[in-house]
Amino acid sequence: MILSICAKCSDQCSIIAKDKDGKVLVERDGYVPDLPWLSVPSSGGDYIEFDLDTDTGKIVGHKKLSDKTILKRLKEGINHLDTL
């Protein structure tokens, strides 16, 4: 089964990146990051939308990004994580 999930954040998306020990590496509030498998490109950063495959527990179409890339972009405050 595929679950389609959609939520509106209204510029109030909160992201906290933690290491394996739970230490906070970076926190960020604001727009939803522009990721092809997470957000709606035409939404202006307000919507989170994705499909979840319940058989695998994975997001459908997920594009793997390195931790280094994600942390760099979060620290810079850039929404377009997939452009590096």
N, C-alpha and C. Protein backbone atom coordinates (compact mmCIF):
# COMPACT_ATOMS: atom_id res chain seq x y z
N MET A 1 0.84 -1.17 0.00
CA MET A 1 0.00 0.00 0.00
C MET A 1 0.90 1.24 0.00
N ILE A 2 0.39 2.29 -0.64
CA ILE A 2 1.07 3.58 -0.68
C ILE A 2 0.20 4.60 0.06
N LEU A 3 0.80 5.28 1.05
CA LEU A 3 0.12 6.36 1.75
C LEU A 3 0.59 7.68 1.17
N SER A 4 -0.34 8.51 0.70
CA SER A 4 -0.01 9.84 0.20
C SER A 4 -0.23 10.83 1.34
N ILE A 5 0.81 11.59 1.67
CA ILE A 5 0.78 12.50 2.81
C ILE A 5 0.97 13.92 2.30
N CYS A 6 0.13 14.84 2.77
CA CYS A 6 0.25 16.25 2.41
C CYS A 6 -0.03 17.07 3.66
N ALA A 7 0.83 18.06 3.92
CA ALA A 7 0.66 18.94 5.07
C ALA A 7 1.08 20.35 4.68
N LYS A 8 0.37 21.34 5.21
CA LYS A 8 0.74 22.74 4.96
C LYS A 8 1.41 23.30 6.20
N CYS A 9 2.58 23.87 6.01
CA CYS A 9 3.38 24.39 7.12
C CYS A 9 3.26 25.90 7.29
N SER A 10 2.85 26.63 6.27
CA SER A 10 2.77 28.09 6.31
C SER A 10 4.06 28.72 6.82
N ASP A 11 5.15 28.39 6.21
CA ASP A 11 6.47 28.94 6.55
C ASP A 11 6.92 28.59 7.97
N GLN A 12 6.36 27.54 8.54
CA GLN A 12 6.69 27.15 9.91
C GLN A 12 7.26 25.74 9.97
N CYS A 13 8.04 25.38 8.98
CA CYS A 13 8.67 24.06 8.95
C CYS A 13 9.90 24.09 9.85
N SER A 14 9.99 23.12 10.72
CA SER A 14 11.14 23.03 11.64
C SER A 14 11.93 21.77 11.31
N ILE A 15 13.24 21.92 11.17
CA ILE A 15 14.11 20.79 10.88
C ILE A 15 15.23 20.77 11.90
N ILE A 16 15.45 19.62 12.51
CA ILE A 16 16.54 19.45 13.46
C ILE A 16 17.37 18.26 13.00
N ALA A 17 18.65 18.50 12.71
CA ALA A 17 19.56 17.42 12.31
C ALA A 17 20.37 17.02 13.54
N LYS A 18 20.35 15.72 13.84
CA LYS A 18 21.08 15.20 15.01
C LYS A 18 22.06 14.12 14.57
N ASP A 19 23.13 13.97 15.34
CA ASP A 19 24.05 12.87 15.06
C ASP A 19 23.49 11.58 15.67
N LYS A 20 24.21 10.49 15.54
CA LYS A 20 23.72 9.19 16.01
C LYS A 20 23.54 9.13 17.52
N ASP A 21 24.21 10.05 18.24
CA ASP A 21 24.09 10.10 19.71
C ASP A 21 22.99 11.05 20.16
N GLY A 22 22.30 11.68 19.22
CA GLY A 22 21.23 12.59 19.54
C GLY A 22 21.66 14.04 19.73
N LYS A 23 22.94 14.33 19.52
CA LYS A 23 23.44 15.71 19.63
C LYS A 23 22.93 16.52 18.44
N VAL A 24 22.38 17.70 18.73
CA VAL A 24 21.86 18.57 17.68
C VAL A 24 23.03 19.18 16.90
N LEU A 25 23.03 18.96 15.59
CA LEU A 25 24.06 19.50 14.71
C LEU A 25 23.64 20.84 14.12
N VAL A 26 22.36 20.96 13.77
CA VAL A 26 21.83 22.20 13.22
C VAL A 26 20.31 22.20 13.38
N GLU A 27 19.75 23.37 13.65
CA GLU A 27 18.31 23.56 13.72
C GLU A 27 17.93 24.64 12.71
N ARG A 28 16.76 24.48 12.13
CA ARG A 28 16.34 25.44 11.11
C ARG A 28 14.83 25.56 11.11
N ASP A 29 14.31 26.76 11.02
CA ASP A 29 12.88 27.03 10.89
C ASP A 29 12.65 27.84 9.63
N GLY A 30 11.48 27.69 9.05
CA GLY A 30 11.15 28.48 7.87
C GLY A 30 10.44 27.66 6.82
N TYR A 31 10.85 27.86 5.58
CA TYR A 31 10.21 27.17 4.46
C TYR A 31 10.56 25.68 4.42
N VAL A 32 9.69 24.91 3.76
CA VAL A 32 9.95 23.50 3.52
C VAL A 32 11.08 23.40 2.51
N PRO A 33 12.09 22.56 2.76
CA PRO A 33 13.17 22.40 1.78
C PRO A 33 12.64 21.91 0.44
N ASP A 34 13.21 22.39 -0.63
CA ASP A 34 12.82 22.01 -1.98
C ASP A 34 13.51 20.71 -2.36
N LEU A 35 12.88 19.60 -2.01
CA LEU A 35 13.38 18.28 -2.36
C LEU A 35 12.34 17.61 -3.24
N PRO A 36 12.75 17.00 -4.35
CA PRO A 36 11.78 16.46 -5.30
C PRO A 36 10.86 15.39 -4.71
N TRP A 37 11.29 14.70 -3.67
CA TRP A 37 10.46 13.65 -3.07
C TRP A 37 9.75 14.11 -1.81
N LEU A 38 9.89 15.39 -1.42
CA LEU A 38 9.30 15.86 -0.17
C LEU A 38 8.32 17.02 -0.36
N SER A 39 8.65 17.96 -1.20
CA SER A 39 7.84 19.18 -1.28
C SER A 39 7.18 19.33 -2.64
N VAL A 40 6.20 20.23 -2.68
CA VAL A 40 5.51 20.56 -3.92
C VAL A 40 6.20 21.79 -4.51
N PRO A 41 6.88 21.66 -5.66
CA PRO A 41 7.69 22.76 -6.20
C PRO A 41 6.94 24.08 -6.37
N SER A 42 5.67 24.03 -6.73
CA SER A 42 4.92 25.27 -6.99
C SER A 42 4.29 25.85 -5.73
N SER A 43 4.54 25.29 -4.56
CA SER A 43 3.85 25.71 -3.34
C SER A 43 4.50 26.90 -2.65
N GLY A 44 5.66 27.32 -3.08
CA GLY A 44 6.35 28.41 -2.42
C GLY A 44 6.93 28.02 -1.07
N GLY A 45 7.13 26.74 -0.87
CA GLY A 45 7.75 26.27 0.36
C GLY A 45 6.80 26.07 1.52
N ASP A 46 5.50 26.00 1.26
CA ASP A 46 4.53 25.83 2.34
C ASP A 46 4.08 24.39 2.54
N TYR A 47 4.21 23.53 1.54
CA TYR A 47 3.64 22.19 1.63
C TYR A 47 4.70 21.09 1.69
N ILE A 48 4.42 20.10 2.52
CA ILE A 48 5.17 18.85 2.52
C ILE A 48 4.24 17.82 1.89
N GLU A 49 4.73 17.12 0.89
CA GLU A 49 3.91 16.12 0.23
C GLU A 49 4.81 14.97 -0.21
N PHE A 50 4.45 13.76 0.16
CA PHE A 50 5.21 12.60 -0.27
C PHE A 50 4.35 11.35 -0.19
N ASP A 51 4.79 10.31 -0.87
CA ASP A 51 4.14 9.01 -0.84
C ASP A 51 5.02 8.06 -0.05
N LEU A 52 4.41 7.32 0.86
CA LEU A 52 5.13 6.37 1.70
C LEU A 52 4.72 4.95 1.32
N ASP A 53 5.69 4.12 0.95
CA ASP A 53 5.45 2.71 0.64
C ASP A 53 5.42 1.95 1.97
N THR A 54 4.24 1.47 2.35
CA THR A 54 4.12 0.80 3.65
C THR A 54 4.80 -0.56 3.68
N ASP A 55 5.07 -1.15 2.52
CA ASP A 55 5.78 -2.43 2.49
C ASP A 55 7.25 -2.27 2.84
N THR A 56 7.85 -1.18 2.39
CA THR A 56 9.28 -0.97 2.63
C THR A 56 9.57 0.07 3.72
N GLY A 57 8.55 0.90 4.04
CA GLY A 57 8.76 1.97 5.01
C GLY A 57 9.56 3.12 4.45
N LYS A 58 9.67 3.20 3.12
CA LYS A 58 10.48 4.24 2.48
C LYS A 58 9.60 5.21 1.71
N ILE A 59 10.14 6.44 1.54
CA ILE A 59 9.47 7.44 0.73
C ILE A 59 9.68 7.09 -0.74
N VAL A 60 8.59 7.06 -1.50
CA VAL A 60 8.66 6.74 -2.92
C VAL A 60 9.42 7.84 -3.65
N GLY A 61 10.41 7.45 -4.46
CA GLY A 61 11.18 8.40 -5.26
C GLY A 61 12.24 9.14 -4.47
N HIS A 62 12.53 8.69 -3.26
CA HIS A 62 13.52 9.35 -2.41
C HIS A 62 14.88 9.39 -3.11
N LYS A 63 15.48 10.57 -3.14
CA LYS A 63 16.82 10.74 -3.72
C LYS A 63 17.79 10.85 -2.55
N LYS A 64 18.70 9.91 -2.43
CA LYS A 64 19.63 9.91 -1.31
C LYS A 64 20.60 11.09 -1.42
N LEU A 65 20.74 11.81 -0.31
CA LEU A 65 21.68 12.92 -0.21
C LEU A 65 22.65 12.62 0.92
N SER A 66 23.87 13.04 0.78
CA SER A 66 24.84 12.80 1.84
C SER A 66 24.55 13.69 3.05
N ASP A 67 24.95 13.22 4.23
CA ASP A 67 24.80 14.02 5.45
C ASP A 67 25.53 15.35 5.29
N LYS A 68 26.70 15.32 4.67
CA LYS A 68 27.50 16.52 4.47
C LYS A 68 26.74 17.56 3.65
N THR A 69 26.09 17.12 2.58
CA THR A 69 25.32 18.02 1.72
C THR A 69 24.16 18.63 2.48
N ILE A 70 23.42 17.81 3.20
CA ILE A 70 22.25 18.31 3.94
C ILE A 70 22.67 19.30 5.01
N LEU A 71 23.68 18.97 5.81
CA LEU A 71 24.13 19.88 6.86
C LEU A 71 24.63 21.21 6.30
N LYS A 72 25.38 21.14 5.21
CA LYS A 72 25.90 22.36 4.58
C LYS A 72 24.76 23.28 4.17
N ARG A 73 23.76 22.71 3.51
CA ARG A 73 22.64 23.50 3.02
C ARG A 73 21.78 24.03 4.16
N LEU A 74 21.58 23.24 5.20
CA LEU A 74 20.79 23.71 6.34
C LEU A 74 21.49 24.86 7.05
N LYS A 75 22.80 24.75 7.21
CA LYS A 75 23.56 25.81 7.86
C LYS A 75 23.55 27.10 7.05
N GLU A 76 23.53 26.96 5.72
CA GLU A 76 23.50 28.13 4.84
C GLU A 76 22.10 28.72 4.72
N GLY A 77 21.10 27.95 5.17
CA GLY A 77 19.72 28.42 5.08
C GLY A 77 19.14 28.35 3.69
N ILE A 78 19.68 27.46 2.86
CA ILE A 78 19.22 27.32 1.49
C ILE A 78 18.17 26.23 1.42
N ASN A 79 17.04 26.51 0.75
CA ASN A 79 15.97 25.55 0.62
C ASN A 79 16.24 24.49 -0.44
N HIS A 80 17.08 24.78 -1.42
CA HIS A 80 17.26 23.89 -2.55
C HIS A 80 18.37 22.88 -2.29
N LEU A 81 18.09 21.87 -1.45
CA LEU A 81 19.10 20.88 -1.06
C LEU A 81 19.52 20.00 -2.24
N ASP A 82 18.65 19.87 -3.23
CA ASP A 82 18.95 18.95 -4.33
C ASP A 82 19.77 19.60 -5.43
N THR A 83 20.24 20.83 -5.26
CA THR A 83 20.96 21.51 -6.33
C THR A 83 22.47 21.44 -6.20
N LEU A 84 22.98 20.85 -5.14
CA LEU A 84 24.43 20.78 -4.96
C LEU A 84 25.05 19.73 -5.85
